[in-house]
Amino acid sequence: MLPFGSDPPVKETLSGFPRAFWWLWTSTLVNRLGSFVAGFLALYLTADRGYSASYAGLMVALYGVGGAVSSVISGVCADRIGRRPTLLFAQLATAVLTMALGLVTHPLAIAALACAAGAASSASRPVVQAMIADLVPAEDRGRAFALNYWAINIGFAVASASAGLIAAHGYVWLFVGESVATLGCALVVFGRLPETNPGPPPATDDPAAEQAAGLGGVLRNGRFMAVAGLSFLIVMIFHQSSTALPIAMNRDGLTASQYGLVISVNGLLIVALQIPVTRLIGRFDPARLLVLACLLCGYGFGLNAFAGSALGYALAVAVWTLAEVVHSPLNMDLVARLSPEHAKGRYQGVFNLFWATGTLTAPLVGGVMIDSLGPAALWGACAVVGTGAAVGYWALLRRPEPEPAAAAGAVVEEHL
């Protein structure tokens, strides 16, 4: 059930996965193809509803805060209630709340629904990641996470390109389109995906083992928390592309359309490189690749200090995009390996909390640094932080990885 392609190297990258993984991959792709609202929420509120830029910024922040909080809650529910019902509820709630957000006009109602819709939308992420870890054997998870990331970026690229055309016929159609796409995901989950939760851990008289399976056990897992903290640093760097980068380009006299062309290099390269790079990274030591990815990320953004033209910024984007293509699947694979069998949802939820917090913090830090010290100082700081993250991964991963708590969950193929 490969999605496309007959080329042997492509088949090598795409083969060996259970059918349930491809249905989950399809669900992710459909979801991202309809991801219109988050990127256009500020523009909708200012251009269509007539609210101020500060109000629109607050609503976008509330959307993100809701997502940060829901990540942990959905992770816990995925372990306790089950992956499938949690994912179904999140997707159905997203469809309803997104549609409601596009219809209400009162400022307080918009605020409440922005937070709730953001929470519902982000609740799916840790559940999907836990299901991938359940469905795919440990040796194939790196490829699986890479393919999932690839689907996310294909969908994002298409959604970003089409959202402007849809909005020209009325912003409400963005909310309708996302709601319909999310309902499509729910149908795939309901009709094609089995429950993958391995169930509660075996009964034990060891209090330490019981504590390790709880949310507190996640926070006490030093190795995992170190990975989450290092991921936070990398997210802080990557997300300078959405706020600090256009500001810096504007100060260099470049236009918004030039920024759009430059940042499109990121999406195009991810779509073009994810599969061939995924084939290559399987031949090298993942720890060294994570160190390399952190250096490419930090110094890729550092190159912006020397870029005074659109071409110069595009070259910098190419460098840190390569870091993104390498870092994301390997880091997700590392998180899955550090997650005990019966607590994958909790671990993914806490990891996504760090990720969401980084996306919220990055614009604030970038803006303050540009205003107080200038863009060059921010790009230099990115290089320093990237180097620090590389050193952190090297120090953490030079020690042998502990044995996982249990083998990957078996796929119940007879349910497919």
Protein backbone atom coordinates (compact mmCIF):
# COMPACT_ATOMS: atom_id res chain seq x y z
CA MET A 1 0.00 0.00 0.00
CA LEU A 2 2.80 2.42 -0.89
CA PRO A 3 1.49 5.93 -1.62
CA PHE A 4 3.44 6.29 -4.87
CA GLY A 5 6.64 5.51 -6.69
CA SER A 6 8.27 2.52 -8.32
CA ASP A 7 11.91 3.60 -8.13
CA PRO A 8 13.89 0.99 -6.13
CA PRO A 9 15.51 3.52 -3.73
CA VAL A 10 12.11 5.06 -3.09
CA LYS A 11 10.59 1.64 -2.49
CA GLU A 12 13.43 0.86 -0.09
CA THR A 13 12.55 3.94 1.94
CA LEU A 14 8.80 3.34 1.87
CA SER A 15 8.67 -0.43 2.31
CA GLY A 16 8.36 -2.54 5.43
CA PHE A 17 5.60 -0.62 7.22
CA PRO A 18 2.24 -2.08 8.30
CA ARG A 19 -0.90 -0.93 6.52
CA ALA A 20 -2.08 0.86 9.65
CA PHE A 21 0.95 3.15 9.47
CA TRP A 22 0.02 4.22 5.94
CA TRP A 23 -3.54 4.96 7.01
CA LEU A 24 -2.13 7.07 9.85
CA TRP A 25 0.21 8.76 7.33
CA THR A 26 -2.76 9.46 5.05
CA SER A 27 -4.68 10.93 7.97
CA THR A 28 -1.76 13.25 8.74
CA LEU A 29 -1.50 14.35 5.11
CA VAL A 30 -5.23 15.12 4.87
CA ASN A 31 -5.07 17.04 8.13
CA ARG A 32 -2.18 19.19 6.97
CA LEU A 33 -3.70 19.79 3.53
CA GLY A 34 -6.53 21.52 5.38
CA SER A 35 -4.42 23.41 7.93
CA PHE A 36 -5.57 26.89 6.92
CA VAL A 37 -6.57 28.62 10.15
CA ALA A 38 -3.44 28.87 12.29
CA GLY A 39 -1.37 30.64 9.65
CA PHE A 40 -4.15 33.03 8.60
CA LEU A 41 -5.80 33.72 11.97
CA ALA A 42 -4.08 37.07 12.50
CA LEU A 43 -4.83 38.21 8.96
CA TYR A 44 -8.48 37.12 9.29
CA LEU A 45 -8.95 39.06 12.52
CA THR A 46 -7.34 42.25 11.21
CA ALA A 47 -8.36 42.34 7.55
CA ASP A 48 -11.80 40.72 7.76
CA ARG A 49 -12.99 41.43 11.31
CA GLY A 50 -11.27 44.77 11.78
CA TYR A 51 -9.52 44.02 15.07
CA SER A 52 -6.19 45.59 16.01
CA ALA A 53 -2.85 43.91 15.40
CA SER A 54 -2.26 43.60 19.14
CA TYR A 55 -5.59 41.81 19.63
CA ALA A 56 -4.83 39.50 16.71
CA GLY A 57 -1.41 38.73 18.17
CA LEU A 58 -3.00 37.89 21.52
CA MET A 59 -5.45 35.52 19.82
CA VAL A 60 -2.63 33.73 18.01
CA ALA A 61 -0.80 33.42 21.33
CA LEU A 62 -3.93 31.97 22.97
CA TYR A 63 -4.21 29.47 20.13
CA GLY A 64 -0.65 28.37 20.89
CA VAL A 65 -1.14 28.31 24.67
CA GLY A 66 -4.13 26.02 24.26
CA GLY A 67 -2.01 23.66 22.20
CA ALA A 68 0.80 23.63 24.76
CA VAL A 69 -1.53 22.66 27.60
CA SER A 70 -3.45 20.05 25.63
CA SER A 71 -0.30 18.18 24.60
CA VAL A 72 0.23 16.79 28.10
CA ILE A 73 -3.47 16.08 28.67
CA SER A 74 -3.89 14.20 25.40
CA GLY A 75 -0.70 12.23 26.06
CA VAL A 76 -2.04 11.05 29.41
CA CYS A 77 -5.43 10.21 27.86
CA ALA A 78 -3.73 8.25 25.07
CA ASP A 79 -2.13 6.00 27.69
CA ARG A 80 -5.12 5.70 30.02
CA ILE A 81 -8.14 5.76 27.68
CA GLY A 82 -6.53 4.63 24.43
CA ARG A 83 -4.91 6.14 21.33
CA ARG A 84 -7.88 5.71 19.02
CA PRO A 85 -10.63 7.30 21.18
CA THR A 86 -8.33 10.17 22.17
CA LEU A 87 -7.43 10.88 18.56
CA LEU A 88 -11.06 10.64 17.43
CA PHE A 89 -12.23 13.01 20.15
CA ALA A 90 -9.44 15.50 19.36
CA GLN A 91 -10.27 15.52 15.65
CA LEU A 92 -14.02 15.82 16.11
CA ALA A 93 -13.52 18.60 18.67
CA THR A 94 -11.15 20.38 16.28
CA ALA A 95 -13.73 20.28 13.47
CA VAL A 96 -16.50 21.70 15.65
CA LEU A 97 -14.42 24.34 17.45
CA THR A 98 -12.68 25.53 14.27
CA MET A 99 -16.00 26.05 12.54
CA ALA A 100 -17.35 27.88 15.59
CA LEU A 101 -14.26 30.12 15.66
CA GLY A 102 -14.99 31.23 12.11
CA LEU A 103 -18.60 32.17 12.97
CA VAL A 104 -18.41 34.05 16.27
CA THR A 105 -17.82 37.81 16.38
CA HIS A 106 -17.66 38.79 20.05
CA PRO A 107 -14.06 39.42 21.23
CA LEU A 108 -14.39 37.23 24.32
CA ALA A 109 -15.99 34.41 22.33
CA ILE A 110 -13.18 34.58 19.79
CA ALA A 111 -10.60 34.44 22.61
CA ALA A 112 -12.24 31.42 24.25
CA LEU A 113 -12.64 29.55 20.99
CA ALA A 114 -9.13 30.40 19.78
CA CYS A 115 -7.68 28.81 22.91
CA ALA A 116 -10.04 25.82 22.71
CA ALA A 117 -9.50 25.25 18.98
CA GLY A 118 -5.73 25.47 19.45
CA ALA A 119 -5.95 22.92 22.24
CA ALA A 120 -8.04 20.50 20.19
CA SER A 121 -5.88 20.90 17.09
CA SER A 122 -2.61 20.22 18.93
CA ALA A 123 -4.03 17.35 20.99
CA SER A 124 -3.64 15.01 18.02
CA ARG A 125 0.13 15.46 17.71
CA PRO A 126 1.39 13.39 20.69
CA VAL A 127 -1.22 10.71 20.00
CA VAL A 128 -0.10 10.29 16.39
CA GLN A 129 3.54 10.13 17.47
CA ALA A 130 2.72 7.51 20.11
CA MET A 131 0.82 5.46 17.53
CA ILE A 132 3.77 5.54 15.17
CA ALA A 133 5.98 4.26 17.98
CA ASP A 134 3.41 1.52 18.70
CA LEU A 135 2.96 0.43 15.10
CA VAL A 136 6.52 0.51 13.78
CA PRO A 137 9.42 -1.65 15.04
CA ALA A 138 12.26 0.26 16.65
CA GLU A 139 14.66 -0.26 13.74
CA ASP A 140 12.22 1.38 11.29
CA ARG A 141 10.95 4.27 13.42
CA GLY A 142 13.47 6.77 12.09
CA ARG A 143 12.11 6.27 8.58
CA ALA A 144 8.54 6.34 9.86
CA PHE A 145 8.97 9.67 11.64
CA ALA A 146 10.73 11.08 8.58
CA LEU A 147 7.83 10.07 6.34
CA ASN A 148 5.32 11.54 8.79
CA TYR A 149 7.30 14.80 8.83
CA TRP A 150 7.36 14.71 5.05
CA ALA A 151 3.55 14.41 4.93
CA ILE A 152 3.24 17.36 7.32
CA ASN A 153 5.37 19.56 5.09
CA ILE A 154 3.70 18.51 1.84
CA GLY A 155 0.35 19.35 3.36
CA PHE A 156 1.61 22.61 4.83
CA ALA A 157 3.08 23.72 1.50
CA VAL A 158 -0.15 23.01 -0.39
CA ALA A 159 -2.32 24.58 2.33
CA SER A 160 -0.19 27.72 2.46
CA ALA A 161 -0.31 28.12 -1.30
CA SER A 162 -4.07 27.57 -1.57
CA ALA A 163 -5.23 29.42 1.55
CA GLY A 164 -4.81 32.84 -0.05
CA LEU A 165 -6.90 31.80 -3.04
CA ILE A 166 -9.60 30.39 -0.78
CA ALA A 167 -9.61 33.51 1.41
CA ALA A 168 -10.28 35.64 -1.67
CA HIS A 169 -13.77 34.07 -1.73
CA GLY A 170 -14.31 34.73 1.98
CA TYR A 171 -12.27 33.92 5.07
CA VAL A 172 -15.05 31.73 6.42
CA TRP A 173 -14.15 29.13 3.79
CA LEU A 174 -10.77 28.64 5.49
CA PHE A 175 -12.60 27.51 8.62
CA VAL A 176 -14.99 25.35 6.62
CA GLY A 177 -12.11 23.75 4.72
CA GLU A 178 -10.14 22.91 7.86
CA SER A 179 -13.23 21.50 9.56
CA VAL A 180 -14.01 19.27 6.58
CA ALA A 181 -10.39 18.06 6.34
CA THR A 182 -10.33 17.24 10.05
CA LEU A 183 -13.58 15.30 9.75
CA GLY A 184 -11.93 13.37 6.91
CA CYS A 185 -9.09 12.47 9.28
CA ALA A 186 -11.59 11.30 11.88
CA LEU A 187 -13.25 9.04 9.30
CA VAL A 188 -9.90 7.45 8.45
CA VAL A 189 -9.14 6.89 12.14
CA PHE A 190 -12.61 5.45 12.79
CA GLY A 191 -12.69 3.19 9.75
CA ARG A 192 -9.10 2.04 9.31
CA LEU A 193 -6.98 2.41 12.44
CA PRO A 194 -6.91 -0.17 15.24
CA GLU A 195 -6.24 0.63 18.86
CA THR A 196 -2.46 0.41 19.30
CA ASN A 197 -2.18 1.06 23.04
CA PRO A 198 -0.41 -1.96 24.57
CA GLY A 199 -2.58 -1.58 27.67
CA PRO A 200 -1.69 -1.01 31.30
CA PRO A 201 1.66 -2.31 32.54
CA PRO A 202 1.70 -5.69 34.29
CA ALA A 203 0.79 -5.56 37.97
CA THR A 204 3.83 -5.15 40.18
CA ASP A 205 4.59 -4.70 43.86
CA ASP A 206 7.47 -2.35 43.02
CA PRO A 207 6.39 1.25 43.88
CA ALA A 208 9.25 2.65 41.80
CA ALA A 209 7.98 0.87 38.69
CA GLU A 210 4.47 2.22 39.23
CA GLN A 211 5.78 5.76 39.71
CA ALA A 212 7.88 5.49 36.54
CA ALA A 213 4.74 4.85 34.51
CA GLY A 214 3.07 8.05 35.76
CA LEU A 215 3.51 11.64 34.64
CA GLY A 216 5.91 12.24 37.52
CA GLY A 217 8.08 9.44 36.19
CA VAL A 218 8.43 11.31 32.91
CA LEU A 219 9.68 14.41 34.71
CA ARG A 220 12.15 12.33 36.75
CA ASN A 221 13.63 10.69 33.65
CA GLY A 222 16.76 12.79 33.38
CA ARG A 223 17.86 11.48 30.00
CA PHE A 224 14.49 12.16 28.40
CA MET A 225 14.16 15.59 30.00
CA ALA A 226 17.61 16.48 28.68
CA VAL A 227 16.49 15.59 25.15
CA ALA A 228 13.32 17.65 25.62
CA GLY A 229 15.39 20.61 26.84
CA LEU A 230 17.82 20.37 23.93
CA SER A 231 14.87 20.15 21.54
CA PHE A 232 13.50 23.34 23.09
CA LEU A 233 16.74 25.12 22.20
CA ILE A 234 16.61 23.91 18.59
CA VAL A 235 12.94 24.91 18.25
CA MET A 236 13.87 28.36 19.57
CA ILE A 237 16.33 28.69 16.69
CA PHE A 238 14.15 27.25 13.95
CA HIS A 239 11.19 29.47 14.78
CA GLN A 240 13.17 32.65 14.27
CA SER A 241 12.29 32.06 10.62
CA SER A 242 8.69 33.19 11.10
CA THR A 243 9.25 36.47 12.95
CA ALA A 244 12.88 37.57 13.23
CA LEU A 245 13.80 36.63 9.66
CA PRO A 246 11.18 38.80 7.90
CA ILE A 247 11.99 41.71 10.25
CA ALA A 248 15.70 41.42 9.49
CA MET A 249 15.07 41.16 5.75
CA ASN A 250 12.87 44.25 5.89
CA ARG A 251 15.67 46.16 7.61
CA ASP A 252 17.90 45.18 4.71
CA GLY A 253 15.40 46.74 2.31
CA LEU A 254 13.87 43.50 1.05
CA THR A 255 10.15 43.20 0.38
CA ALA A 256 7.49 40.87 1.76
CA SER A 257 7.30 39.04 -1.57
CA GLN A 258 11.05 38.43 -1.43
CA TYR A 259 10.65 37.01 2.08
CA GLY A 260 7.92 34.74 0.75
CA LEU A 261 10.21 33.45 -1.99
CA VAL A 262 13.10 32.95 0.43
CA ILE A 263 11.08 31.06 3.03
CA SER A 264 9.49 28.90 0.33
CA VAL A 265 12.95 27.39 -0.15
CA ASN A 266 12.43 25.70 3.21
CA GLY A 267 9.26 23.87 2.20
CA LEU A 268 10.49 22.99 -1.27
CA LEU A 269 13.74 21.50 0.03
CA ILE A 270 11.98 19.48 2.73
CA VAL A 271 9.63 17.95 0.16
CA ALA A 272 12.52 17.27 -2.23
CA LEU A 273 15.13 16.06 0.26
CA GLN A 274 13.25 14.18 2.99
CA ILE A 275 13.20 10.78 1.26
CA PRO A 276 16.77 10.78 -0.14
CA VAL A 277 18.19 12.15 3.12
CA THR A 278 16.21 9.56 5.09
CA ARG A 279 17.91 6.82 3.04
CA LEU A 280 21.34 8.32 3.76
CA ILE A 281 20.99 8.94 7.50
CA GLY A 282 20.27 5.26 8.09
CA ARG A 283 23.90 4.54 7.20
CA PHE A 284 25.45 6.81 9.84
CA ASP A 285 25.59 7.10 13.61
CA PRO A 286 22.40 8.93 14.73
CA ALA A 287 24.20 10.62 17.63
CA ARG A 288 26.76 12.22 15.32
CA LEU A 289 24.02 13.25 12.90
CA LEU A 290 22.10 14.98 15.69
CA VAL A 291 25.25 16.88 16.66
CA LEU A 292 25.80 17.84 13.02
CA ALA A 293 22.17 18.92 12.63
CA CYS A 294 22.45 21.25 15.64
CA LEU A 295 25.57 22.85 14.20
CA LEU A 296 23.95 23.28 10.78
CA CYS A 297 20.89 24.79 12.45
CA GLY A 298 22.83 27.28 14.57
CA TYR A 299 25.32 28.32 11.91
CA GLY A 300 22.68 28.28 9.17
CA PHE A 301 20.84 31.00 11.03
CA GLY A 302 24.16 32.58 11.88
CA LEU A 303 24.79 33.04 8.16
CA ASN A 304 21.92 35.55 8.12
CA ALA A 305 24.32 38.05 9.70
CA PHE A 306 26.23 38.12 6.39
CA ALA A 307 23.20 37.97 4.07
CA GLY A 308 22.21 41.32 2.63
CA SER A 309 20.32 40.02 -0.39
CA ALA A 310 17.50 37.59 -1.07
CA LEU A 311 20.02 35.12 -2.50
CA GLY A 312 22.15 35.31 0.63
CA TYR A 313 19.14 34.65 2.88
CA ALA A 314 18.03 31.80 0.60
CA LEU A 315 21.43 30.13 0.95
CA ALA A 316 21.15 30.39 4.74
CA VAL A 317 17.66 28.85 4.56
CA ALA A 318 19.08 25.93 2.57
CA VAL A 319 21.64 25.23 5.30
CA TRP A 320 19.23 25.22 8.22
CA THR A 321 16.61 23.32 6.22
CA LEU A 322 19.08 20.47 5.83
CA ALA A 323 19.46 20.55 9.61
CA GLU A 324 15.68 20.35 9.97
CA VAL A 325 15.41 17.38 7.61
CA VAL A 326 18.03 15.47 9.62
CA HIS A 327 17.15 16.56 13.16
CA SER A 328 13.37 16.12 13.24
CA PRO A 329 13.00 12.37 12.47
CA LEU A 330 16.11 11.37 14.42
CA ASN A 331 15.02 13.36 17.46
CA MET A 332 11.51 11.88 17.36
CA ASP A 333 13.02 8.41 17.09
CA LEU A 334 15.19 9.16 20.12
CA VAL A 335 12.15 10.31 22.12
CA ALA A 336 10.31 7.10 21.20
CA ARG A 337 13.29 4.97 22.26
CA LEU A 338 13.42 6.70 25.63
CA SER A 339 9.69 6.20 26.22
CA PRO A 340 8.60 3.11 28.21
CA GLU A 341 6.15 0.87 26.41
CA HIS A 342 3.16 1.75 28.59
CA ALA A 343 3.83 5.48 28.85
CA LYS A 344 4.53 6.59 25.27
CA GLY A 345 1.59 8.98 25.25
CA ARG A 346 2.77 10.76 28.41
CA TYR A 347 6.30 11.07 27.09
CA GLN A 348 5.14 12.41 23.74
CA GLY A 349 2.83 14.83 25.53
CA VAL A 350 5.61 16.28 27.68
CA PHE A 351 7.94 16.45 24.69
CA ASN A 352 5.31 18.36 22.70
CA LEU A 353 4.85 20.72 25.65
CA PHE A 354 8.53 21.68 25.33
CA TRP A 355 8.11 22.01 21.56
CA ALA A 356 5.04 24.25 21.88
CA THR A 357 6.69 26.36 24.57
CA GLY A 358 9.64 26.91 22.26
CA THR A 359 7.40 28.08 19.43
CA LEU A 360 5.74 30.57 21.78
CA THR A 361 8.98 31.84 23.29
CA ALA A 362 11.01 32.19 20.09
CA PRO A 363 9.17 35.23 18.66
CA LEU A 364 9.39 37.07 21.98
CA VAL A 365 13.12 36.46 22.39
CA GLY A 366 13.85 37.26 18.76
CA GLY A 367 11.89 40.49 18.82
CA VAL A 368 13.49 41.72 22.04
CA MET A 369 16.99 40.94 20.79
CA ILE A 370 16.45 42.69 17.46
CA ASP A 371 15.05 45.80 19.17
CA SER A 372 17.77 45.99 21.80
CA LEU A 373 20.89 44.61 20.07
CA GLY A 374 20.08 44.31 16.37
CA PRO A 375 19.62 41.34 14.01
CA ALA A 376 23.34 40.47 13.87
CA ALA A 377 23.37 39.82 17.61
CA LEU A 378 20.38 37.50 17.30
CA TRP A 379 22.01 35.50 14.49
CA GLY A 380 25.20 35.24 16.49
CA ALA A 381 23.19 34.00 19.47
CA CYS A 382 21.59 31.36 17.25
CA ALA A 383 25.06 30.06 16.35
CA VAL A 384 26.03 29.96 20.04
CA VAL A 385 22.81 28.16 21.06
CA GLY A 386 23.15 25.68 18.20
CA THR A 387 26.70 24.91 19.30
CA GLY A 388 25.52 24.47 22.88
CA ALA A 389 22.80 22.07 21.76
CA ALA A 390 25.34 20.09 19.72
CA VAL A 391 27.60 19.78 22.78
CA GLY A 392 24.58 18.71 24.84
CA TYR A 393 23.60 15.94 22.41
CA TRP A 394 27.22 14.78 22.22
CA ALA A 395 27.55 14.61 26.01
CA LEU A 396 24.19 12.86 26.38
CA LEU A 397 24.52 10.31 23.59
CA ARG A 398 28.15 9.32 23.98
CA ARG A 399 26.92 7.06 26.78
CA PRO A 400 25.21 3.83 25.66
CA GLU A 401 21.46 4.17 25.38
CA PRO A 402 19.64 2.18 28.08
CA GLU A 403 17.57 -0.77 27.03
CA PRO A 404 13.95 0.21 26.32
CA ALA A 405 11.35 -0.82 28.87
CA ALA A 406 9.72 -3.19 26.41
CA ALA A 407 9.69 -4.04 22.75
CA ALA A 408 7.56 -2.13 20.31
CA GLY A 409 3.88 -2.96 20.47
CA ALA A 410 2.68 -5.52 18.01
CA VAL A 411 0.31 -4.52 15.25
CA VAL A 412 -3.04 -6.26 15.32
CA GLU A 413 -3.28 -6.84 11.59
CA GLU A 414 -6.46 -8.82 11.80
CA HIS A 415 -8.32 -5.63 12.71
CA LEU A 416 -7.32 -3.98 9.41
